[in-house]
Amino acid sequence: MTAAATASTLLFVPGDRPNRFDKAAGAGADLVVLDLEDAVGADAKPAARRNIAEWAARNACAVRVNGARTEWFHDDLRSLVGTGAAVMLPEAENLADLAMISDVLGIDTAVIALIESARGVLNAAALAAAPNVVRLGVGTFDLAAQLGIDPLDTEALLPTRGALVLASAAARLAGPVDGVTAAIDDPDRLAADTTYARRLGFTGKLCIHPRQLAPVASSFAPSDDQLAWAQRIVDAFDAPAGSTTAGSSPAVAQVDGEMVDKPVVDRARAILARR
């Protein structure tokens, strides 16, 4: 499974700043995302493609290409042939966009579909089920601009986040990746944003500065109390009571005075896996 499918911290780096690529890789992000889109001006895109292609051929990463309806999209894809880089597709809206990535880079290319429009939200289930998509993400600022809402208004964006979580679960993908928090030097705000996203079912977040990595990782990590609870649940099922057949596990058990069964055990195992 690729890092694109499981990363909790995804760090953007402008593609026209090759001196930052190695620094980003050493900063501790689960996945470095080299950017060809918003962070790179039109005149700088050809050089950025060359920078990225050279680095991506030697290092695992994802590349945010320009949108499928831009003049740069096909050149972006062609520059990545043979690198093995994952692709982050902005403004993902339909299966035809994903098919173009497969045509140029192969069906095995991992794609993070970044949803930034109402059409993308409505098509989230189909996008998540596409064979080359390993993750959904949300671009809150672009989406909020289209919807005419404040991107910091969690209530206004709740239906969108819920739709992406449901679509991801239905397609058996990891929880989606949340959008950026623009405040670089506000760890409390960053932790609050990340904790909120985690509560909804998100499992990753886009970061725009290395200083954001530690607070995000910490917010996604289970607490000591959660780990202790999960371990008690798993222990109860892995060490069956004497009334069960040796080597088997009970269908139902009591832990801390509450009945627990397979769905609870599955959740406990998932928490322990995030240690």
C-alpha atoms as a PDB file:
ATOM      1  CA  MET A   1       0.000   0.000   0.000  1.00  0.00           C
ATOM      2  CA  THR A   2       1.398   3.394  -0.990  1.00  0.00           C
ATOM      3  CA  ALA A   3       1.952   6.335   1.364  1.00  0.00           C
ATOM      4  CA  ALA A   4      -0.675   8.219  -0.644  1.00  0.00           C
ATOM      5  CA  ALA A   5      -3.257   5.730   0.629  1.00  0.00           C
ATOM      6  CA  THR A   6      -2.359   5.993   4.301  1.00  0.00           C
ATOM      7  CA  ALA A   7      -0.493   9.269   5.028  1.00  0.00           C
ATOM      8  CA  SER A   8      -1.681  11.405   7.927  1.00  0.00           C
ATOM      9  CA  THR A   9       0.590  14.370   7.174  1.00  0.00           C
ATOM     10  CA  LEU A  10       0.926  15.527   3.567  1.00  0.00           C
ATOM     11  CA  LEU A  11       3.338  18.424   3.073  1.00  0.00           C
ATOM     12  CA  PHE A  12       3.118  20.725   0.041  1.00  0.00           C
ATOM     13  CA  VAL A  13       6.351  21.996  -1.532  1.00  0.00           C
ATOM     14  CA  PRO A  14       6.380  24.387  -4.529  1.00  0.00           C
ATOM     15  CA  GLY A  15       7.744  22.643  -7.604  1.00  0.00           C
ATOM     16  CA  ASP A  16       9.870  25.652  -8.535  1.00  0.00           C
ATOM     17  CA  ARG A  17      11.785  25.444  -5.226  1.00  0.00           C
ATOM     18  CA  PRO A  18      13.976  22.328  -5.713  1.00  0.00           C
ATOM     19  CA  ASN A  19      16.230  23.433  -2.848  1.00  0.00           C
ATOM     20  CA  ARG A  20      13.327  22.631  -0.505  1.00  0.00           C
ATOM     21  CA  PHE A  21      12.603  19.112  -1.746  1.00  0.00           C
ATOM     22  CA  ASP A  22      15.167  17.289   0.382  1.00  0.00           C
ATOM     23  CA  LYS A  23      14.381  19.497   3.390  1.00  0.00           C
ATOM     24  CA  ALA A  24      10.717  18.585   3.094  1.00  0.00           C
ATOM     25  CA  ALA A  25      11.549  14.893   2.877  1.00  0.00           C
ATOM     26  CA  GLY A  26      13.606  15.202   6.047  1.00  0.00           C
ATOM     27  CA  ALA A  27      10.957  17.152   7.963  1.00  0.00           C
ATOM     28  CA  GLY A  28       9.015  14.041   8.927  1.00  0.00           C
ATOM     29  CA  ALA A  29       5.951  14.246   6.666  1.00  0.00           C
ATOM     30  CA  ASP A  30       4.300  10.948   5.798  1.00  0.00           C
ATOM     31  CA  LEU A  31       4.087  12.146   2.198  1.00  0.00           C
ATOM     32  CA  VAL A  32       5.764  15.031   0.363  1.00  0.00           C
ATOM     33  CA  VAL A  33       3.486  16.615  -2.260  1.00  0.00           C
ATOM     34  CA  LEU A  34       5.415  18.525  -4.910  1.00  0.00           C
ATOM     35  CA  ASP A  35       3.149  21.217  -6.311  1.00  0.00           C
ATOM     36  CA  LEU A  36       2.727  22.181  -9.953  1.00  0.00           C
ATOM     37  CA  GLU A  37      -0.566  23.988  -9.439  1.00  0.00           C
ATOM     38  CA  ASP A  38      -1.319  27.028  -7.265  1.00  0.00           C
ATOM     39  CA  ALA A  39       2.186  27.508  -5.873  1.00  0.00           C
ATOM     40  CA  VAL A  40       3.821  27.786  -9.317  1.00  0.00           C
ATOM     41  CA  GLY A  41       3.286  30.629 -11.776  1.00  0.00           C
ATOM     42  CA  ALA A  42       2.605  29.941 -15.439  1.00  0.00           C
ATOM     43  CA  ASP A  43       6.091  30.950 -16.602  1.00  0.00           C
ATOM     44  CA  ALA A  44       7.756  28.748 -13.990  1.00  0.00           C
ATOM     45  CA  LYS A  45       5.796  25.558 -14.710  1.00  0.00           C
ATOM     46  CA  PRO A  46       8.166  24.052 -17.364  1.00  0.00           C
ATOM     47  CA  ALA A  47      11.189  24.349 -15.067  1.00  0.00           C
ATOM     48  CA  ALA A  48       9.130  23.055 -12.138  1.00  0.00           C
ATOM     49  CA  ARG A  49       8.196  19.966 -14.150  1.00  0.00           C
ATOM     50  CA  ARG A  50      11.859  19.226 -14.798  1.00  0.00           C
ATOM     51  CA  ASN A  51      12.749  19.744 -11.136  1.00  0.00           C
ATOM     52  CA  ILE A  52       9.982  17.429 -10.012  1.00  0.00           C
ATOM     53  CA  ALA A  53      10.624  14.706 -12.591  1.00  0.00           C
ATOM     54  CA  GLU A  54      14.282  14.498 -11.602  1.00  0.00           C
ATOM     55  CA  TRP A  55      13.558  14.328  -7.864  1.00  0.00           C
ATOM     56  CA  ALA A  56      10.502  12.060  -8.121  1.00  0.00           C
ATOM     57  CA  ALA A  57      12.483   9.486 -10.090  1.00  0.00           C
ATOM     58  CA  ARG A  58      14.666   8.988  -6.989  1.00  0.00           C
ATOM     59  CA  ASN A  59      12.241   9.684  -4.132  1.00  0.00           C
ATOM     60  CA  ALA A  60       8.757   8.549  -3.191  1.00  0.00           C
ATOM     61  CA  CYS A  61       6.312  11.454  -3.388  1.00  0.00           C
ATOM     62  CA  ALA A  62       3.047  12.711  -4.799  1.00  0.00           C
ATOM     63  CA  VAL A  63       2.702  15.497  -7.345  1.00  0.00           C
ATOM     64  CA  ARG A  64      -0.228  17.894  -7.439  1.00  0.00           C
ATOM     65  CA  VAL A  65      -0.691  18.486 -11.143  1.00  0.00           C
ATOM     66  CA  ASN A  66      -2.781  21.240 -12.675  1.00  0.00           C
ATOM     67  CA  GLY A  67      -6.470  20.564 -13.183  1.00  0.00           C
ATOM     68  CA  ALA A  68      -7.696  18.456 -16.085  1.00  0.00           C
ATOM     69  CA  ARG A  69      -9.327  21.452 -17.747  1.00  0.00           C
ATOM     70  CA  THR A  70      -6.176  23.572 -17.784  1.00  0.00           C
ATOM     71  CA  GLU A  71      -3.677  23.970 -20.603  1.00  0.00           C
ATOM     72  CA  TRP A  72      -0.913  22.463 -18.434  1.00  0.00           C
ATOM     73  CA  PHE A  73      -2.522  19.164 -17.444  1.00  0.00           C
ATOM     74  CA  HIS A  74      -1.243  16.889 -20.198  1.00  0.00           C
ATOM     75  CA  ASP A  75       2.295  18.269 -20.049  1.00  0.00           C
ATOM     76  CA  ASP A  76       2.265  17.727 -16.291  1.00  0.00           C
ATOM     77  CA  LEU A  77       1.299  14.077 -16.733  1.00  0.00           C
ATOM     78  CA  ARG A  78       3.822  13.425 -19.489  1.00  0.00           C
ATOM     79  CA  SER A  79       6.608  14.828 -17.322  1.00  0.00           C
ATOM     80  CA  LEU A  80       5.872  12.172 -14.684  1.00  0.00           C
ATOM     81  CA  VAL A  81       6.155   9.127 -16.966  1.00  0.00           C
ATOM     82  CA  GLY A  82       8.531   6.627 -15.411  1.00  0.00           C
ATOM     83  CA  THR A  83       8.849   8.395 -12.049  1.00  0.00           C
ATOM     84  CA  GLY A  84       6.366   6.248 -10.129  1.00  0.00           C
ATOM     85  CA  ALA A  85       5.022   9.333  -8.361  1.00  0.00           C
ATOM     86  CA  ALA A  86       1.479   9.385  -7.056  1.00  0.00           C
ATOM     87  CA  VAL A  87      -0.765  12.060  -8.555  1.00  0.00           C
ATOM     88  CA  MET A  88      -2.899  14.517  -6.617  1.00  0.00           C
ATOM     89  CA  LEU A  89      -5.622  15.673  -8.988  1.00  0.00           C
ATOM     90  CA  PRO A  90      -7.120  19.062  -8.060  1.00  0.00           C
ATOM     91  CA  GLU A  91     -10.689  19.937  -8.998  1.00  0.00           C
ATOM     92  CA  ALA A  92     -11.508  16.250  -9.419  1.00  0.00           C
ATOM     93  CA  GLU A  93     -15.031  15.968 -10.752  1.00  0.00           C
ATOM     94  CA  ASN A  94     -15.499  13.015 -13.078  1.00  0.00           C
ATOM     95  CA  LEU A  95     -14.158   9.648 -14.184  1.00  0.00           C
ATOM     96  CA  ALA A  96     -12.917  11.008 -17.509  1.00  0.00           C
ATOM     97  CA  ASP A  97     -10.285  13.069 -15.651  1.00  0.00           C
ATOM     98  CA  LEU A  98      -9.047   9.934 -13.894  1.00  0.00           C
ATOM     99  CA  ALA A  99      -9.032   7.950 -17.127  1.00  0.00           C
ATOM    100  CA  MET A 100      -6.634  10.453 -18.678  1.00  0.00           C
ATOM    101  CA  ILE A 101      -4.192   9.866 -15.833  1.00  0.00           C
ATOM    102  CA  SER A 102      -4.382   6.115 -16.380  1.00  0.00           C
ATOM    103  CA  ASP A 103      -3.918   6.522 -20.143  1.00  0.00           C
ATOM    104  CA  VAL A 104      -0.672   8.448 -19.696  1.00  0.00           C
ATOM    105  CA  LEU A 105       0.795   6.995 -16.491  1.00  0.00           C
ATOM    106  CA  GLY A 106      -0.878   3.587 -16.222  1.00  0.00           C
ATOM    107  CA  ILE A 107      -3.744   2.189 -14.213  1.00  0.00           C
ATOM    108  CA  ASP A 108      -1.442   1.407 -11.283  1.00  0.00           C
ATOM    109  CA  THR A 109      -0.647   5.076 -10.663  1.00  0.00           C
ATOM    110  CA  ALA A 110      -2.000   6.022  -7.239  1.00  0.00           C
ATOM    111  CA  VAL A 111      -4.324   9.040  -7.375  1.00  0.00           C
ATOM    112  CA  ILE A 112      -5.513  11.307  -4.594  1.00  0.00           C
ATOM    113  CA  ALA A 113      -8.694  12.928  -5.899  1.00  0.00           C
ATOM    114  CA  LEU A 114      -8.864  16.427  -4.423  1.00  0.00           C
ATOM    115  CA  ILE A 115     -12.484  17.556  -4.392  1.00  0.00           C
ATOM    116  CA  GLU A 116     -12.930  21.312  -4.652  1.00  0.00           C
ATOM    117  CA  SER A 117     -16.329  21.849  -6.260  1.00  0.00           C
ATOM    118  CA  ALA A 118     -19.987  21.048  -5.744  1.00  0.00           C
ATOM    119  CA  ARG A 119     -19.911  18.686  -8.723  1.00  0.00           C
ATOM    120  CA  GLY A 120     -16.967  16.870  -7.211  1.00  0.00           C
ATOM    121  CA  VAL A 121     -18.800  16.448  -3.908  1.00  0.00           C
ATOM    122  CA  LEU A 122     -21.871  15.053  -5.660  1.00  0.00           C
ATOM    123  CA  ASN A 123     -19.663  12.619  -7.604  1.00  0.00           C
ATOM    124  CA  ALA A 124     -17.537  11.639  -4.594  1.00  0.00           C
ATOM    125  CA  ALA A 125     -18.790   8.038  -4.454  1.00  0.00           C
ATOM    126  CA  ALA A 126     -17.962   7.401  -8.106  1.00  0.00           C
ATOM    127  CA  LEU A 127     -14.546   9.028  -7.781  1.00  0.00           C
ATOM    128  CA  ALA A 128     -13.697   6.999  -4.683  1.00  0.00           C
ATOM    129  CA  ALA A 129     -14.639   3.772  -6.460  1.00  0.00           C
ATOM    130  CA  ALA A 130     -12.408   4.455  -9.487  1.00  0.00           C
ATOM    131  CA  PRO A 131      -9.665   1.817  -9.787  1.00  0.00           C
ATOM    132  CA  ASN A 132      -6.727   4.234  -9.619  1.00  0.00           C
ATOM    133  CA  VAL A 133      -8.031   6.364  -6.716  1.00  0.00           C
ATOM    134  CA  VAL A 134      -6.456   5.492  -3.362  1.00  0.00           C
ATOM    135  CA  ARG A 135      -7.739   8.490  -1.374  1.00  0.00           C
ATOM    136  CA  LEU A 136     -10.125  11.420  -1.441  1.00  0.00           C
ATOM    137  CA  GLY A 137      -9.196  14.882  -0.224  1.00  0.00           C
ATOM    138  CA  VAL A 138     -11.013  18.181   0.131  1.00  0.00           C
ATOM    139  CA  GLY A 139      -9.876  21.626  -0.964  1.00  0.00           C
ATOM    140  CA  THR A 140     -11.892  23.726   1.442  1.00  0.00           C
ATOM    141  CA  PHE A 141     -10.928  27.175   0.185  1.00  0.00           C
ATOM    142  CA  ASP A 142     -11.875  26.593  -3.456  1.00  0.00           C
ATOM    143  CA  LEU A 143     -15.043  24.771  -2.488  1.00  0.00           C
ATOM    144  CA  ALA A 144     -16.086  27.467  -0.030  1.00  0.00           C
ATOM    145  CA  ALA A 145     -15.562  30.152  -2.683  1.00  0.00           C
ATOM    146  CA  GLN A 146     -17.916  28.329  -5.039  1.00  0.00           C
ATOM    147  CA  LEU A 147     -20.501  27.771  -2.328  1.00  0.00           C
ATOM    148  CA  GLY A 148     -20.278  31.350  -1.074  1.00  0.00           C
ATOM    149  CA  ILE A 149     -19.424  30.350   2.483  1.00  0.00           C
ATOM    150  CA  ASP A 150     -16.592  30.937   4.939  1.00  0.00           C
ATOM    151  CA  PRO A 151     -14.003  28.113   4.637  1.00  0.00           C
ATOM    152  CA  LEU A 152     -13.511  28.311   8.405  1.00  0.00           C
ATOM    153  CA  ASP A 153     -17.202  27.637   9.053  1.00  0.00           C
ATOM    154  CA  THR A 154     -17.173  23.982  10.053  1.00  0.00           C
ATOM    155  CA  GLU A 155     -20.962  23.784  10.166  1.00  0.00           C
ATOM    156  CA  ALA A 156     -21.292  25.026   6.585  1.00  0.00           C
ATOM    157  CA  LEU A 157     -18.779  22.440   5.316  1.00  0.00           C
ATOM    158  CA  LEU A 158     -20.082  19.579   7.453  1.00  0.00           C
ATOM    159  CA  PRO A 159     -22.221  18.038   4.661  1.00  0.00           C
ATOM    160  CA  THR A 160     -19.206  18.017   2.345  1.00  0.00           C
ATOM    161  CA  ARG A 161     -16.908  16.395   4.859  1.00  0.00           C
ATOM    162  CA  GLY A 162     -19.572  13.831   5.715  1.00  0.00           C
ATOM    163  CA  ALA A 163     -20.080  12.986   2.040  1.00  0.00           C
ATOM    164  CA  LEU A 164     -16.364  12.354   1.540  1.00  0.00           C
ATOM    165  CA  VAL A 165     -16.117  10.173   4.640  1.00  0.00           C
ATOM    166  CA  LEU A 166     -19.075   8.062   3.508  1.00  0.00           C
ATOM    167  CA  ALA A 167     -17.767   7.767  -0.048  1.00  0.00           C
ATOM    168  CA  SER A 168     -14.351   6.698   1.208  1.00  0.00           C
ATOM    169  CA  ALA A 169     -15.776   4.076   3.544  1.00  0.00           C
ATOM    170  CA  ALA A 170     -18.066   2.678   0.834  1.00  0.00           C
ATOM    171  CA  ALA A 171     -15.067   2.284  -1.477  1.00  0.00           C
ATOM    172  CA  ARG A 172     -12.973   0.747   1.336  1.00  0.00           C
ATOM    173  CA  LEU A 173     -10.474   3.599   1.245  1.00  0.00           C
ATOM    174  CA  ALA A 174      -8.811   5.166   4.254  1.00  0.00           C
ATOM    175  CA  GLY A 175     -10.593   8.225   5.584  1.00  0.00           C
ATOM    176  CA  PRO A 176     -10.153  11.320   3.398  1.00  0.00           C
ATOM    177  CA  VAL A 177      -7.548  14.067   3.662  1.00  0.00           C
ATOM    178  CA  ASP A 178      -8.689  17.397   5.106  1.00  0.00           C
ATOM    179  CA  GLY A 179      -7.794  20.757   3.585  1.00  0.00           C
ATOM    180  CA  VAL A 180      -5.122  23.154   4.757  1.00  0.00           C
ATOM    181  CA  THR A 181      -5.167  25.375   7.816  1.00  0.00           C
ATOM    182  CA  ALA A 182      -3.751  28.680   6.580  1.00  0.00           C
ATOM    183  CA  ALA A 183      -2.517  29.795  10.024  1.00  0.00           C
ATOM    184  CA  ILE A 184       1.091  28.571  10.079  1.00  0.00           C
ATOM    185  CA  ASP A 185       1.980  29.826  13.559  1.00  0.00           C
ATOM    186  CA  ASP A 186      -1.214  28.923  15.405  1.00  0.00           C
ATOM    187  CA  PRO A 187      -0.737  25.353  16.688  1.00  0.00           C
ATOM    188  CA  ASP A 188      -3.887  25.542  18.810  1.00  0.00           C
ATOM    189  CA  ARG A 189      -6.032  26.346  15.782  1.00  0.00           C
ATOM    190  CA  LEU A 190      -4.277  23.666  13.764  1.00  0.00           C
ATOM    191  CA  ALA A 191      -4.827  21.071  16.482  1.00  0.00           C
ATOM    192  CA  ALA A 192      -8.492  22.056  16.786  1.00  0.00           C
ATOM    193  CA  ASP A 193      -9.021  21.803  13.009  1.00  0.00           C
ATOM    194  CA  THR A 194      -7.309  18.422  12.854  1.00  0.00           C
ATOM    195  CA  THR A 195      -9.122  17.017  15.876  1.00  0.00           C
ATOM    196  CA  TYR A 196     -12.456  18.087  14.399  1.00  0.00           C
ATOM    197  CA  ALA A 197     -11.621  16.414  11.075  1.00  0.00           C
ATOM    198  CA  ARG A 198     -10.512  13.238  12.858  1.00  0.00           C
ATOM    199  CA  ARG A 199     -13.783  13.082  14.796  1.00  0.00           C
ATOM    200  CA  LEU A 200     -15.669  13.121  11.484  1.00  0.00           C
ATOM    201  CA  GLY A 201     -13.619  10.256  10.044  1.00  0.00           C
ATOM    202  CA  PHE A 202     -10.760  12.025   8.243  1.00  0.00           C
ATOM    203  CA  THR A 203      -7.365  10.370   8.560  1.00  0.00           C
ATOM    204  CA  GLY A 204      -5.022  12.892   6.927  1.00  0.00           C
ATOM    205  CA  LYS A 205      -4.438  16.621   6.501  1.00  0.00           C
ATOM    206  CA  LEU A 206      -2.741  18.830   3.939  1.00  0.00           C
ATOM    207  CA  CYS A 207       0.078  20.882   5.464  1.00  0.00           C
ATOM    208  CA  ILE A 208       1.739  23.994   4.039  1.00  0.00           C
ATOM    209  CA  HIS A 209       4.723  24.308   6.385  1.00  0.00           C
ATOM    210  CA  PRO A 210       6.946  21.830   8.270  1.00  0.00           C
ATOM    211  CA  ARG A 211       5.909  23.461  11.563  1.00  0.00           C
ATOM    212  CA  GLN A 212       2.424  22.082  11.015  1.00  0.00           C
ATOM    213  CA  LEU A 213       3.514  18.456  10.870  1.00  0.00           C
ATOM    214  CA  ALA A 214       3.949  17.706  14.576  1.00  0.00           C
ATOM    215  CA  PRO A 215       0.611  19.195  15.743  1.00  0.00           C
ATOM    216  CA  VAL A 216      -1.241  17.377  12.968  1.00  0.00           C
ATOM    217  CA  ALA A 217       0.427  14.043  13.669  1.00  0.00           C
ATOM    218  CA  SER A 218      -0.262  14.425  17.376  1.00  0.00           C
ATOM    219  CA  SER A 219      -3.929  15.229  16.775  1.00  0.00           C
ATOM    220  CA  PHE A 220      -4.422  12.137  14.634  1.00  0.00           C
ATOM    221  CA  ALA A 221      -2.639   9.842  17.084  1.00  0.00           C
ATOM    222  CA  PRO A 222      -4.870   8.005  19.600  1.00  0.00           C
ATOM    223  CA  SER A 223      -4.674   9.185  23.192  1.00  0.00           C
ATOM    224  CA  ASP A 224      -3.301   7.030  26.004  1.00  0.00           C
ATOM    225  CA  ASP A 225      -6.855   6.500  27.266  1.00  0.00           C
ATOM    226  CA  GLN A 226      -8.037   5.366  23.820  1.00  0.00           C
ATOM    227  CA  LEU A 227      -5.116   2.954  23.503  1.00  0.00           C
ATOM    228  CA  ALA A 228      -5.746   1.523  26.960  1.00  0.00           C
ATOM    229  CA  TRP A 229      -9.447   1.035  26.169  1.00  0.00           C
ATOM    230  CA  ALA A 230      -8.659  -0.614  22.843  1.00  0.00           C
ATOM    231  CA  GLN A 231      -6.144  -2.951  24.434  1.00  0.00           C
ATOM    232  CA  ARG A 232      -8.688  -4.061  27.054  1.00  0.00           C
ATOM    233  CA  ILE A 233     -11.197  -4.820  24.307  1.00  0.00           C
ATOM    234  CA  VAL A 234      -8.738  -6.820  22.231  1.00  0.00           C
ATOM    235  CA  ASP A 235      -7.406  -8.680  25.268  1.00  0.00           C
ATOM    236  CA  ALA A 236     -10.933  -9.730  26.197  1.00  0.00           C
ATOM    237  CA  PHE A 237     -11.432 -11.312  22.790  1.00  0.00           C
ATOM    238  CA  ASP A 238      -7.930 -12.730  22.355  1.00  0.00           C
ATOM    239  CA  ALA A 239      -8.064 -14.422  25.773  1.00  0.00           C
ATOM    240  CA  PRO A 240     -11.490 -16.123  25.728  1.00  0.00           C
ATOM    241  CA  ALA A 241     -13.298 -17.151  28.887  1.00  0.00           C
ATOM    242  CA  GLY A 242     -13.131 -20.761  30.043  1.00  0.00           C
ATOM    243  CA  SER A 243     -16.623 -21.445  28.736  1.00  0.00           C
ATOM    244  CA  THR A 244     -15.480 -21.056  25.110  1.00  0.00           C
ATOM    245  CA  THR A 245     -13.665 -23.611  23.030  1.00  0.00           C
ATOM    246  CA  ALA A 246      -9.885 -23.460  23.406  1.00  0.00           C
ATOM    247  CA  GLY A 247      -8.328 -21.222  20.781  1.00  0.00           C
ATOM    248  CA  SER A 248     -11.620 -19.539  19.903  1.00  0.00           C
ATOM    249  CA  SER A 249     -12.856 -16.053  20.741  1.00  0.00           C
ATOM    250  CA  PRO A 250     -16.216 -15.134  22.274  1.00  0.00           C
ATOM    251  CA  ALA A 251     -18.865 -13.585  20.038  1.00  0.00           C
ATOM    252  CA  VAL A 252     -19.803 -11.181  22.825  1.00  0.00           C
ATOM    253  CA  ALA A 253     -17.950 -10.114  25.959  1.00  0.00           C
ATOM    254  CA  GLN A 254     -18.227  -7.604  28.774  1.00  0.00           C
ATOM    255  CA  VAL A 255     -15.509  -5.014  29.194  1.00  0.00           C
ATOM    256  CA  ASP A 256     -15.737  -2.196  31.746  1.00  0.00           C
ATOM    257  CA  GLY A 257     -19.321  -3.234  32.392  1.00  0.00           C
ATOM    258  CA  GLU A 258     -20.406  -2.818  28.765  1.00  0.00           C
ATOM    259  CA  MET A 259     -21.247  -5.407  26.154  1.00  0.00           C
ATOM    260  CA  VAL A 260     -18.860  -5.456  23.198  1.00  0.00           C
ATOM    261  CA  ASP A 261     -18.999  -7.489  19.988  1.00  0.00           C
ATOM    262  CA  LYS A 262     -17.195  -7.668  16.654  1.00  0.00           C
ATOM    263  CA  PRO A 263     -17.763  -4.066  15.447  1.00  0.00           C
ATOM    264  CA  VAL A 264     -16.361  -2.773  18.738  1.00  0.00           C
ATOM    265  CA  VAL A 265     -13.381  -5.106  18.455  1.00  0.00           C
ATOM    266  CA  ASP A 266     -12.750  -3.980  14.883  1.00  0.00           C
ATOM    267  CA  ARG A 267     -12.697  -0.356  16.044  1.00  0.00           C
ATOM    268  CA  ALA A 268     -10.337  -1.243  18.885  1.00  0.00           C
ATOM    269  CA  ARG A 269      -7.938  -2.996  16.518  1.00  0.00           C
ATOM    270  CA  ALA A 270      -8.002   0.014  14.190  1.00  0.00           C
ATOM    271  CA  ILE A 271      -7.084   2.315  17.089  1.00  0.00           C
ATOM    272  CA  LEU A 272      -4.174   0.082  18.088  1.00  0.00           C
ATOM    273  CA  ALA A 273      -2.967   0.028  14.481  1.00  0.00           C
ATOM    274  CA  ARG A 274      -2.555   3.837  14.628  1.00  0.00           C
ATOM    275  CA  ARG A 275       0.024   3.700  17.442  1.00  0.00           C
END
